[in-house]
Protein backbone atom coordinates (compact mmCIF):
# COMPACT_ATOMS: atom_id res chain seq x y z
CA UNK A 1 24.66 -71.93 58.49
CA UNK A 2 21.02 -71.05 58.11
CA UNK A 3 18.10 -72.71 59.82
CA UNK A 4 15.78 -71.55 57.03
CA UNK A 5 14.54 -74.46 54.94
CA UNK A 6 11.37 -73.16 53.25
CA UNK A 7 10.17 -69.89 51.72
CA UNK A 8 6.98 -68.39 50.34
CA UNK A 9 7.64 -66.05 47.41
CA UNK A 10 4.83 -63.63 46.59
CA UNK A 11 4.87 -62.58 42.93
CA UNK A 12 5.66 -64.45 39.74
CA UNK A 13 7.11 -61.67 37.61
CA UNK A 14 10.89 -61.26 37.33
CA UNK A 15 12.16 -61.04 40.91
CA UNK A 16 9.96 -63.89 42.15
CA UNK A 17 11.21 -66.75 39.95
CA UNK A 18 14.84 -65.56 40.20
CA UNK A 19 14.62 -65.41 44.00
CA UNK A 20 13.05 -68.87 44.13
CA UNK A 21 15.78 -70.26 41.86
CA UNK A 22 18.53 -68.69 43.98
CA UNK A 23 16.92 -69.92 47.20
CA UNK A 24 16.75 -73.43 45.81
CA UNK A 25 20.44 -73.30 44.94
CA UNK A 26 21.01 -72.16 48.52
CA UNK A 27 19.23 -75.27 49.82
CA UNK A 28 15.92 -73.54 50.59
CA UNK A 29 12.70 -74.85 49.04
CA UNK A 30 10.56 -72.02 47.66
CA UNK A 31 7.05 -71.87 46.25
CA UNK A 32 6.04 -68.89 44.12
CA UNK A 33 2.48 -67.63 44.69
CA UNK A 34 1.12 -65.53 41.83
CA UNK A 35 -2.08 -63.47 42.08
CA UNK A 36 -3.06 -64.04 38.45
CA UNK A 37 -4.53 -67.34 37.26
CA UNK A 38 -1.74 -68.09 34.75
CA UNK A 39 1.97 -67.50 34.30
CA UNK A 40 2.88 -63.85 33.96
CA UNK A 41 3.97 -64.43 30.37
CA UNK A 42 0.63 -65.93 29.45
CA UNK A 43 -1.69 -63.78 31.50
CA UNK A 44 -2.09 -61.24 28.71
CA UNK A 45 -1.27 -57.56 28.73
CA UNK A 46 2.47 -58.05 29.14
CA UNK A 47 4.24 -56.70 26.11
CA UNK A 48 7.05 -54.49 24.99
CA UNK A 49 10.66 -54.80 25.95
CA UNK A 50 13.01 -54.08 28.82
CA UNK A 51 16.75 -53.67 29.09
CA UNK A 52 19.06 -56.06 30.89
CA UNK A 53 22.34 -54.45 31.83
CA UNK A 54 25.56 -56.52 31.95
CA UNK A 55 25.29 -56.78 35.74
CA UNK A 56 21.77 -58.18 35.42
CA UNK A 57 22.91 -60.83 32.97
CA UNK A 58 25.81 -61.67 35.32
CA UNK A 59 23.31 -62.13 38.16
CA UNK A 60 21.21 -64.43 35.96
CA UNK A 61 24.32 -66.57 35.55
CA UNK A 62 24.11 -67.33 39.29
CA UNK A 63 20.84 -69.17 38.68
CA UNK A 64 21.74 -70.66 35.30
CA UNK A 65 19.33 -68.51 33.31
CA UNK A 66 21.71 -66.19 31.46
CA UNK A 67 22.17 -68.16 28.25
CA UNK A 68 18.49 -68.85 27.66
CA UNK A 69 17.58 -65.20 28.23
CA UNK A 70 20.35 -63.67 26.11
CA UNK A 71 19.55 -66.06 23.27
CA UNK A 72 16.20 -64.30 22.85
CA UNK A 73 17.56 -60.77 23.37
CA UNK A 74 18.83 -58.05 21.03
CA UNK A 75 22.35 -56.83 21.88
CA UNK A 76 22.84 -53.07 21.96
CA UNK A 77 26.50 -52.37 21.27
CA UNK A 78 26.42 -48.61 20.70
CA UNK A 79 24.18 -45.63 21.42
CA UNK A 80 23.65 -42.08 20.24
CA UNK A 81 21.86 -38.93 21.35
CA UNK A 82 19.77 -36.80 19.01
CA UNK A 83 18.20 -33.36 19.37
CA UNK A 84 16.40 -32.25 16.24
CA UNK A 85 18.70 -33.02 13.32
CA UNK A 86 21.81 -32.97 15.51
CA UNK A 87 23.13 -36.43 16.33
CA UNK A 88 26.08 -37.38 18.51
CA UNK A 89 27.50 -40.82 19.22
CA UNK A 90 27.78 -41.63 22.91
CA UNK A 91 30.94 -43.12 24.43
CA UNK A 92 30.86 -46.81 25.27
CA UNK A 93 31.96 -48.53 28.45
CA UNK A 94 35.01 -50.68 27.82
CA UNK A 95 35.33 -54.23 29.07
CA UNK A 96 31.65 -55.08 29.59
CA UNK A 97 29.20 -57.12 27.49
CA UNK A 98 26.47 -55.26 25.59
CA UNK A 99 23.14 -54.18 26.94
CA UNK A 100 20.45 -56.73 26.10
CA UNK A 101 16.93 -55.75 25.09
CA UNK A 102 14.49 -58.57 25.74
CA UNK A 103 10.74 -58.93 25.31
CA UNK A 104 9.02 -58.97 28.68
CA UNK A 105 6.95 -62.00 27.77
CA UNK A 106 10.07 -63.93 26.71
CA UNK A 107 11.90 -63.03 29.90
CA UNK A 108 8.96 -64.09 32.07
CA UNK A 109 8.64 -67.34 30.15
CA UNK A 110 12.33 -68.22 30.34
CA UNK A 111 12.55 -67.50 34.07
CA UNK A 112 9.38 -69.44 34.79
CA UNK A 113 10.48 -72.43 32.73
CA UNK A 114 13.93 -72.44 34.29
CA UNK A 115 12.46 -72.34 37.78
CA UNK A 116 10.06 -75.19 37.05
CA UNK A 117 12.88 -77.26 35.52
CA UNK A 118 14.86 -76.88 38.77
CA UNK A 119 11.95 -77.96 40.94
CA UNK A 120 10.39 -74.64 41.98
CA UNK A 121 6.62 -74.89 42.53
CA UNK A 122 4.16 -72.23 41.34
CA UNK A 123 0.65 -71.63 42.68
CA UNK A 124 -1.68 -69.40 40.64
CA UNK A 125 -4.72 -67.35 41.57
CA UNK A 126 -3.18 -66.71 45.00
CA UNK A 127 -3.66 -63.06 45.90
CA UNK A 128 -2.13 -62.31 49.30
CA UNK A 129 -4.38 -60.57 51.82
CA UNK A 130 -2.71 -61.10 55.20
CA UNK A 131 0.19 -62.69 57.06
CA UNK A 132 0.57 -64.19 60.53
CA UNK A 133 4.02 -64.51 62.06
CA UNK A 134 5.31 -66.58 64.95
CA UNK A 135 8.69 -67.51 66.39
CA UNK A 136 8.70 -70.63 64.26
CA UNK A 137 7.42 -69.41 60.90
CA UNK A 138 5.07 -67.31 58.82
CA UNK A 139 1.64 -68.11 57.37
CA UNK A 140 0.29 -66.37 54.28
CA UNK A 141 -3.47 -66.03 53.80
CA UNK A 142 -4.85 -65.64 50.31
CA UNK A 143 -8.03 -64.13 48.91
CA UNK A 144 -9.35 -67.55 47.89
CA UNK A 145 -9.22 -68.74 51.51
CA UNK A 146 -6.10 -70.88 51.11
CA UNK A 147 -2.99 -70.57 53.28
CA UNK A 148 0.69 -71.45 53.07
CA UNK A 149 3.29 -71.71 55.83
CA UNK A 150 7.09 -71.49 55.61
CA UNK A 151 10.14 -70.22 57.48
CA UNK A 152 10.21 -66.88 55.61
CA UNK A 153 8.03 -64.89 53.20
CA UNK A 154 9.53 -62.87 50.34
CA UNK A 155 7.58 -60.00 48.80
CA UNK A 156 8.44 -59.90 45.10
CA UNK A 157 5.09 -58.31 44.27
CA UNK A 158 6.09 -55.12 42.49
CA UNK A 159 5.65 -51.42 43.06
CA UNK A 160 2.14 -51.84 44.48
CA UNK A 161 3.37 -54.49 46.89
CA UNK A 162 0.96 -55.93 49.44
CA UNK A 163 3.89 -57.31 51.44
CA UNK A 164 5.45 -53.84 51.73
CA UNK A 165 2.26 -52.59 53.38
CA UNK A 166 2.22 -55.56 55.76
CA UNK A 167 5.82 -54.90 56.76
CA UNK A 168 5.18 -51.19 57.27
CA UNK A 169 1.68 -49.72 56.89
CA UNK A 170 3.27 -46.27 56.63
CA UNK A 171 5.58 -47.28 53.78
CA UNK A 172 5.59 -44.95 50.76
CA UNK A 173 3.95 -45.98 47.53
CA UNK A 174 5.11 -45.47 43.95
CA UNK A 175 5.67 -41.91 42.74
CA UNK A 176 4.53 -40.77 39.29
CA UNK A 177 7.33 -39.49 37.03
CA UNK A 178 5.07 -37.30 34.87
CA UNK A 179 5.56 -39.54 31.85
CA UNK A 180 3.34 -41.97 29.96
CA UNK A 181 5.06 -44.80 28.08
CA UNK A 182 4.35 -46.40 24.70
CA UNK A 183 6.16 -48.85 22.43
CA UNK A 184 5.74 -50.22 18.91
CA UNK A 185 7.61 -51.46 15.86
CA UNK A 186 7.60 -49.26 12.76
CA UNK A 187 8.01 -50.42 9.18
CA UNK A 188 10.34 -47.47 8.63
CA UNK A 189 14.11 -48.13 8.48
CA UNK A 190 16.14 -45.46 10.28
CA UNK A 191 19.42 -46.09 8.49
CA UNK A 192 21.65 -46.68 11.51
CA UNK A 193 23.81 -49.70 12.19
CA UNK A 194 22.13 -52.73 13.82
CA UNK A 195 22.69 -52.74 17.57
CA UNK A 196 22.47 -48.94 17.82
CA UNK A 197 20.04 -47.34 20.30
CA UNK A 198 19.26 -43.66 19.81
CA UNK A 199 17.98 -41.44 22.63
CA UNK A 200 16.07 -38.57 21.00
CA UNK A 201 14.59 -35.36 22.37
CA UNK A 202 11.62 -34.18 20.35
CA UNK A 203 9.84 -30.84 20.50
CA UNK A 204 7.14 -32.19 22.82
CA UNK A 205 8.51 -35.43 24.21
CA UNK A 206 11.36 -37.90 24.57
CA UNK A 207 11.67 -41.10 22.54
CA UNK A 208 14.21 -43.78 21.67
CA UNK A 209 14.59 -46.27 18.85
CA UNK A 210 16.75 -49.08 17.49
CA UNK A 211 16.68 -51.37 14.42
CA UNK A 212 14.87 -54.65 14.90
CA UNK A 213 16.90 -57.72 13.87
CA UNK A 214 14.07 -58.93 11.63
CA UNK A 215 13.52 -55.57 9.96
CA UNK A 216 11.77 -52.36 10.91
CA UNK A 217 12.51 -50.11 13.87
CA UNK A 218 11.36 -50.54 17.44
CA UNK A 219 10.62 -47.31 19.25
CA UNK A 220 9.51 -46.23 22.70
CA UNK A 221 8.06 -42.86 23.63
CA UNK A 222 7.70 -41.07 26.96
CA UNK A 223 4.95 -38.52 26.56
CA UNK A 224 4.64 -35.86 29.28
CA UNK A 225 1.37 -36.28 31.21
CA UNK A 226 -0.30 -34.18 33.87
CA UNK A 227 -1.79 -37.00 35.94
CA UNK A 228 -1.08 -40.70 36.39
CA UNK A 229 -3.30 -43.33 34.82
CA UNK A 230 -3.58 -46.94 35.87
CA UNK A 231 -2.63 -49.46 33.21
CA UNK A 232 -6.27 -50.54 32.95
CA UNK A 233 -7.34 -46.92 32.50
CA UNK A 234 -4.64 -46.20 29.91
CA UNK A 235 -5.49 -49.33 27.91
CA UNK A 236 -9.18 -48.48 27.99
CA UNK A 237 -8.40 -45.58 25.66
CA UNK A 238 -8.60 -46.87 22.06
CA UNK A 239 -5.14 -47.54 20.64
CA UNK A 240 -6.00 -45.51 17.55
CA UNK A 241 -6.65 -42.49 19.79
CA UNK A 242 -3.28 -42.88 21.50
CA UNK A 243 -1.59 -43.21 18.13
CA UNK A 244 -3.25 -40.02 16.90
CA UNK A 245 -1.94 -38.23 20.02
CA UNK A 246 1.57 -39.57 19.45
CA UNK A 247 1.57 -38.64 15.78
CA UNK A 248 0.46 -35.12 16.66
CA UNK A 249 2.98 -34.76 19.47
CA UNK A 250 5.92 -36.04 17.43
CA UNK A 251 4.82 -34.81 14.02
CA UNK A 252 7.56 -32.17 13.86
CA UNK A 253 10.36 -34.59 14.73
CA UNK A 254 12.56 -36.63 12.44
CA UNK A 255 12.52 -39.67 12.44
CA UNK A 256 9.68 -39.90 15.00
CA UNK A 257 7.22 -38.63 12.40
CA UNK A 258 8.08 -41.51 10.03
CA UNK A 259 8.30 -44.07 12.83
CA UNK A 260 4.81 -43.35 14.09
CA UNK A 261 3.29 -42.90 10.64
CA UNK A 262 4.42 -46.43 9.72
CA UNK A 263 3.37 -48.08 12.99
CA UNK A 264 0.06 -49.89 13.38
CA UNK A 265 -2.24 -48.79 16.17
CA UNK A 266 -3.21 -52.44 16.59
CA UNK A 267 0.38 -53.26 17.60
CA UNK A 268 0.89 -50.27 19.93
CA UNK A 269 1.94 -51.31 23.43
CA UNK A 270 0.56 -48.94 26.06
CA UNK A 271 3.10 -49.24 28.86
CA UNK A 272 1.14 -46.80 31.03
CA UNK A 273 2.21 -44.18 33.54
CA UNK A 274 5.82 -44.53 34.60
CA UNK A 275 6.56 -44.66 38.33
CA UNK A 276 9.51 -44.88 40.65
CA UNK A 277 9.74 -46.02 44.26
CA UNK A 278 11.01 -43.44 46.74
CA UNK A 279 13.35 -44.86 49.38
CA UNK A 280 11.55 -47.53 51.43
CA UNK A 281 12.53 -47.24 55.11
CA UNK A 282 11.87 -50.84 56.11
CA UNK A 283 12.69 -53.74 53.80
CA UNK A 284 11.88 -56.42 56.37
CA UNK A 285 10.02 -57.14 59.57
CA UNK A 286 10.07 -60.41 61.43
CA UNK A 287 10.12 -63.15 58.80
CA UNK A 288 8.96 -60.98 55.89
CA UNK A 289 11.33 -59.28 53.43
CA UNK A 290 11.11 -57.38 50.13
CA UNK A 291 12.97 -57.90 46.85
CA UNK A 292 12.87 -56.17 43.48
CA UNK A 293 10.44 -53.37 42.66
CA UNK A 294 8.62 -53.86 45.96
CA UNK A 295 11.71 -52.40 47.67
CA UNK A 296 13.41 -50.42 44.92
CA UNK A 297 12.06 -49.40 41.52
CA UNK A 298 14.21 -46.78 39.81
CA UNK A 299 12.90 -44.91 36.81
CA UNK A 300 13.20 -46.75 33.51
CA UNK A 301 15.76 -44.06 32.66
CA UNK A 302 18.23 -46.06 34.71
CA UNK A 303 18.13 -49.10 32.42
CA UNK A 304 18.59 -51.05 35.65
CA UNK A 305 15.15 -51.87 37.06
CA UNK A 306 15.05 -55.54 36.04
CA UNK A 307 18.77 -56.03 36.64
CA UNK A 308 18.61 -54.70 40.19
CA UNK A 309 15.58 -56.90 40.92
CA UNK A 310 17.52 -59.96 39.74
CA UNK A 311 20.55 -58.99 41.81
CA UNK A 312 18.46 -58.58 44.95
CA UNK A 313 16.94 -62.04 44.61
CA UNK A 314 20.40 -63.57 44.31
CA UNK A 315 21.84 -61.60 47.23
CA UNK A 316 18.92 -62.44 49.50
CA UNK A 317 19.45 -66.14 48.86
CA UNK A 318 23.16 -65.86 49.72
CA UNK A 319 22.38 -64.13 53.00
CA UNK A 320 19.74 -66.66 54.02
CA UNK A 321 22.13 -69.47 53.10
CA UNK A 322 25.12 -68.27 55.10
CA UNK A 323 23.87 -66.50 58.22
CA UNK A 324 22.56 -68.35 61.26
CA UNK A 325 19.24 -66.56 61.80
CA UNK A 326 16.64 -64.70 59.81
CA UNK A 327 17.26 -61.26 61.30
CA UNK A 328 21.01 -61.41 60.68
CA UNK A 329 20.38 -62.55 57.11
CA UNK A 330 17.89 -59.77 56.37
CA UNK A 331 20.16 -57.13 57.92
CA UNK A 332 23.09 -58.29 55.79
CA UNK A 333 20.91 -58.29 52.69
CA UNK A 334 19.87 -54.67 53.24
CA UNK A 335 23.49 -53.73 53.91
CA UNK A 336 24.51 -55.27 50.59
CA UNK A 337 21.70 -53.69 48.59
CA UNK A 338 20.36 -50.37 49.86
CA UNK A 339 23.24 -48.02 49.01
CA UNK A 340 23.63 -49.52 45.55
CA UNK A 341 20.00 -49.33 44.48
CA UNK A 342 19.48 -45.83 45.89
CA UNK A 343 22.54 -44.55 44.02
CA UNK A 344 21.12 -45.93 40.77
CA UNK A 345 17.73 -44.37 41.52
CA UNK A 346 19.33 -40.98 42.12
CA UNK A 347 21.13 -41.12 38.76
CA UNK A 348 17.90 -42.04 36.97
CA UNK A 349 16.04 -39.19 38.65
CA UNK A 350 18.59 -36.73 37.25
CA UNK A 351 18.08 -38.11 33.74
CA UNK A 352 14.29 -37.82 34.11
CA UNK A 353 14.59 -34.06 34.34
CA UNK A 354 16.03 -33.97 30.81
CA UNK A 355 13.22 -36.01 29.24
CA UNK A 356 10.68 -33.21 29.12
CA UNK A 357 12.76 -30.03 28.73
CA UNK A 358 11.06 -26.66 28.53
CA UNK A 359 11.26 -24.35 25.48
CA UNK A 360 14.47 -22.64 26.60
CA UNK A 361 16.18 -25.95 27.40
CA UNK A 362 15.13 -27.38 24.03
CA UNK A 363 16.66 -24.36 22.28
CA UNK A 364 19.94 -24.73 24.14
CA UNK A 365 20.23 -28.52 24.01
CA UNK A 366 21.85 -28.75 20.54
CA UNK A 367 24.55 -26.36 21.74
CA UNK A 368 25.02 -28.14 25.06
CA UNK A 369 25.04 -31.69 23.69
CA UNK A 370 28.85 -32.14 23.73
CA UNK A 371 29.03 -30.97 27.36
CA UNK A 372 26.06 -33.18 28.29
CA UNK A 373 27.75 -36.20 26.73
CA UNK A 374 31.05 -35.54 28.55
CA UNK A 375 29.34 -35.20 31.93
CA UNK A 376 25.87 -36.69 32.35
CA UNK A 377 26.40 -39.41 29.72
CA UNK A 378 30.05 -40.30 30.42
CA UNK A 379 29.80 -44.04 31.20
CA UNK A 380 33.00 -44.19 33.23
CA UNK A 381 31.63 -41.51 35.56
CA UNK A 382 28.01 -42.65 35.64
CA UNK A 383 27.40 -46.36 35.03
CA UNK A 384 30.75 -48.14 35.27
CA UNK A 385 30.20 -49.08 38.91
CA UNK A 386 26.72 -50.32 38.04
CA UNK A 387 27.48 -52.44 35.00
CA UNK A 388 30.75 -53.99 36.16
CA UNK A 389 29.13 -55.31 39.32
CA UNK A 390 29.28 -59.11 39.53
CA UNK A 391 27.93 -61.21 42.42
CA UNK A 392 30.07 -64.15 43.48
CA UNK A 393 27.26 -66.50 44.47
CA UNK A 394 29.59 -69.04 46.08
CA UNK A 395 31.43 -66.53 48.24
CA UNK A 396 30.27 -66.66 51.88
CA UNK A 397 28.33 -63.77 53.39
CA UNK A 398 29.39 -62.67 56.85
CA UNK A 399 27.48 -60.67 59.40
CA UNK A 400 28.57 -57.10 60.00
CA UNK A 401 30.81 -56.90 63.10
CA UNK A 402 29.05 -55.56 66.15
CA UNK A 403 29.87 -51.98 67.08
CA UNK A 404 31.89 -51.46 70.26
């Protein structure tokens, strides 16, 4: 049984509220400290959508947030791959619920509201600058001069995590994928069944699209880019200029040409440069530990980034609940998580290489599509172990037996 009774959670995005909810259900009081002066869903600049895989929704069930989140989501029940005018339906994974596409702002809002309803406290405008540890606890120091003390501190502060640097100053930072992301809703109807997501390879870039339940077609584009741009830098470029670039880049592609021609620049979401986290050697030190993107952020090609973050928050709470000391709990948590998240990241990295194929690859892709679907896109071989994963929150966690 744990001796941990209180926790500081740094970061109010996705992993932070879920971790705080799970900790509370484990009997540990948690306060979420968010750097911005409002909830993540209301801070502005958060838009677009993300995918929740079946395993992510299952993990949300552990904290009672699954029904509220899925009620606002769009189910994706089938998918297809397209290269030029060639289109091929992709096989589905039997026995699992559909992928759910949810607006980021809605997901943030639902998680925040659920956490507040269960008694989780939030403190805003608290940007972490330093931490002091002792045998009895950990004290967080914030930019505004305030402090907070608890038994443990959880870094749920994303790919540019301050906590990660405090745990290990030599820790790697996020790695640029060479892609710049955009999203919008077009007034063009693509003529595919509702609930169908299409992964398309254009002449100059990769894009995907699916029918919106209320009409129109939502699309996302990954445009190859030579250098990374911060989100602030990318959004400083006028949206009309980005839209002109997209229309030029995808002007030879069907239906991308129609999708972008019927999309408003005013509604374009600039997602920014896409990054992944390389393997992080140290997920914890002393009474500090990482969850979510701070520890593992696979490429968005995985469709698992948010789901893995949710899983990690739930698993951390189980470990802190069941093991007698902080170090044993953190070690068990890493044992439960590292191999899984790194396997997902490796799969996503392989997919990334197909998103910006060279001229020869683009010529051959229509011919190789059936082979690609049978191998790289075979769900039983690639994502079955990911999507069928369900955490039994009530099951006890045991420490790994000592080696002899």
